[in-house]
Every structure is written in structure tokens, then in C-alpha cells.
Amino acid sequence: MNQQSVDIARYYGRILSLVSAATALLFLIGVLRRSYLALAVPVAALVLGAAGVSLWIGRLLITTPDYPEDPLP
């Protein structure tokens, strides 16, 4: 791996860490304020994410091509 790839990975790592920390802070603030949305939004995101992954796997299984017949006896 070259230095440019490492720098890009570290840059996106910093962005992901900052976004994760900000999200966690907002969630904690919402829970402390007893906000229904603070719990409903993350749960909805997890449920919809799981449903999306399940749909993707199901579509993958449905569209799996048949293997051709083996030409050799």
C-alpha cells in the first residue's frame, strides 16, 4: 500500500470517528431529555438496515445463475 492510500484511509477514519462521536453525543442528549425520537430514529435505522440487507441477500439468491452442464462425461 502506498502513502497516499494510507493518508486517504486515515482521513476517512477521522471523519467517521467525528461523525460517530457527534451521533453518540446527540443520542445521549436526547435520552437525557427523554425524547422519543432519540430512541425511535436509531431503532428505525437498524430495522430498515437489517431489512435492506435481507432484501439484498434474497435478491442475490433469487438471481443466482444456474451452472452449465459439464461437457465432459
C-alpha atoms as a PDB file:
ATOM      1  CA  MET A   1       0.000   0.000   0.000  1.00  0.00           C
ATOM      2  CA  ASN A   2       1.383   3.417  -0.856  1.00  0.00           C
ATOM      3  CA  GLN A   3       1.441   6.503   1.368  1.00  0.00           C
ATOM      4  CA  GLN A   4      -1.437   8.187  -0.487  1.00  0.00           C
ATOM      5  CA  SER A   5      -3.737   5.243   0.266  1.00  0.00           C
ATOM      6  CA  VAL A   6      -2.763   5.353   3.932  1.00  0.00           C
ATOM      7  CA  ASP A   7      -3.426   9.101   4.086  1.00  0.00           C
ATOM      8  CA  ILE A   8      -6.856   8.667   2.479  1.00  0.00           C
ATOM      9  CA  ALA A   9      -7.754   5.861   4.896  1.00  0.00           C
ATOM     10  CA  ARG A  10      -6.714   7.987   7.876  1.00  0.00           C
ATOM     11  CA  TYR A  11      -8.691  10.977   6.557  1.00  0.00           C
ATOM     12  CA  TYR A  12     -11.880   8.950   6.229  1.00  0.00           C
ATOM     13  CA  GLY A  13     -11.164   7.328   9.592  1.00  0.00           C
ATOM     14  CA  ARG A  14     -11.077  10.761  11.232  1.00  0.00           C
ATOM     15  CA  ILE A  15     -14.328  11.773   9.552  1.00  0.00           C
ATOM     16  CA  LEU A  16     -16.027   8.536  10.599  1.00  0.00           C
ATOM     17  CA  SER A  17     -14.788   8.929  14.178  1.00  0.00           C
ATOM     18  CA  LEU A  18     -16.040  12.523  14.414  1.00  0.00           C
ATOM     19  CA  VAL A  19     -19.443  11.646  12.965  1.00  0.00           C
ATOM     20  CA  SER A  20     -19.758   8.666  15.315  1.00  0.00           C
ATOM     21  CA  ALA A  21     -18.848  10.750  18.353  1.00  0.00           C
ATOM     22  CA  ALA A  22     -21.294  13.504  17.375  1.00  0.00           C
ATOM     23  CA  THR A  23     -24.053  10.945  16.806  1.00  0.00           C
ATOM     24  CA  ALA A  24     -23.410   9.323  20.193  1.00  0.00           C
ATOM     25  CA  LEU A  25     -23.454  12.724  21.905  1.00  0.00           C
ATOM     26  CA  LEU A  26     -26.736  13.706  20.247  1.00  0.00           C
ATOM     27  CA  PHE A  27     -28.231  10.347  21.203  1.00  0.00           C
ATOM     28  CA  LEU A  28     -27.216  10.762  24.845  1.00  0.00           C
ATOM     29  CA  ILE A  29     -28.612  14.291  24.944  1.00  0.00           C
ATOM     30  CA  GLY A  30     -31.891  13.024  23.505  1.00  0.00           C
ATOM     31  CA  VAL A  31     -32.103  10.176  26.021  1.00  0.00           C
ATOM     32  CA  LEU A  32     -31.396  12.523  28.920  1.00  0.00           C
ATOM     33  CA  ARG A  33     -34.166  14.825  27.687  1.00  0.00           C
ATOM     34  CA  ARG A  34     -36.424  11.746  27.460  1.00  0.00           C
ATOM     35  CA  SER A  35     -37.052  12.310  23.774  1.00  0.00           C
ATOM     36  CA  TYR A  36     -38.993   9.609  21.962  1.00  0.00           C
ATOM     37  CA  LEU A  37     -37.160  10.381  18.711  1.00  0.00           C
ATOM     38  CA  ALA A  38     -33.784   9.743  20.348  1.00  0.00           C
ATOM     39  CA  LEU A  39     -34.748   6.094  20.620  1.00  0.00           C
ATOM     40  CA  ALA A  40     -37.081   5.754  17.643  1.00  0.00           C
ATOM     41  CA  VAL A  41     -34.685   7.040  14.965  1.00  0.00           C
ATOM     42  CA  PRO A  42     -31.745   4.687  15.742  1.00  0.00           C
ATOM     43  CA  VAL A  43     -34.071   1.701  16.150  1.00  0.00           C
ATOM     44  CA  ALA A  44     -35.784   2.529  12.854  1.00  0.00           C
ATOM     45  CA  ALA A  45     -32.388   2.859  11.151  1.00  0.00           C
ATOM     46  CA  LEU A  46     -31.303  -0.549  12.457  1.00  0.00           C
ATOM     47  CA  VAL A  47     -34.554  -2.241  11.438  1.00  0.00           C
ATOM     48  CA  LEU A  48     -34.513  -0.688   7.967  1.00  0.00           C
ATOM     49  CA  GLY A  49     -30.811  -1.527   7.562  1.00  0.00           C
ATOM     50  CA  ALA A  50     -31.431  -5.157   8.502  1.00  0.00           C
ATOM     51  CA  ALA A  51     -34.407  -5.299   6.142  1.00  0.00           C
ATOM     52  CA  GLY A  52     -32.256  -3.864   3.348  1.00  0.00           C
ATOM     53  CA  VAL A  53     -29.515  -6.425   3.902  1.00  0.00           C
ATOM     54  CA  SER A  54     -32.098  -9.232   3.975  1.00  0.00           C
ATOM     55  CA  LEU A  55     -33.640  -7.951   0.750  1.00  0.00           C
ATOM     56  CA  TRP A  56     -30.209  -7.756  -0.888  1.00  0.00           C
ATOM     57  CA  ILE A  57     -29.341 -11.330   0.143  1.00  0.00           C
ATOM     58  CA  GLY A  58     -32.753 -12.583  -1.011  1.00  0.00           C
ATOM     59  CA  ARG A  59     -32.363 -10.901  -4.400  1.00  0.00           C
ATOM     60  CA  LEU A  60     -28.874 -12.370  -4.698  1.00  0.00           C
ATOM     61  CA  LEU A  61     -30.188 -15.866  -4.013  1.00  0.00           C
ATOM     62  CA  ILE A  62     -33.105 -15.460  -6.417  1.00  0.00           C
ATOM     63  CA  THR A  63     -30.900 -14.261  -9.281  1.00  0.00           C
ATOM     64  CA  THR A  64     -28.148 -16.860  -8.836  1.00  0.00           C
ATOM     65  CA  PRO A  65     -27.475 -18.294 -12.310  1.00  0.00           C
ATOM     66  CA  ASP A  66     -27.599 -22.000 -12.989  1.00  0.00           C
ATOM     67  CA  TYR A  67     -24.299 -23.690 -13.609  1.00  0.00           C
ATOM     68  CA  PRO A  68     -23.896 -25.003 -17.170  1.00  0.00           C
ATOM     69  CA  GLU A  69     -23.885 -28.723 -17.766  1.00  0.00           C
ATOM     70  CA  ASP A  70     -20.459 -30.332 -17.528  1.00  0.00           C
ATOM     71  CA  PRO A  71     -19.431 -31.158 -21.123  1.00  0.00           C
ATOM     72  CA  LEU A  72     -17.087 -33.962 -20.027  1.00  0.00           C
ATOM     73  CA  PRO A  73     -18.586 -37.361 -19.113  1.00  0.00           C
END
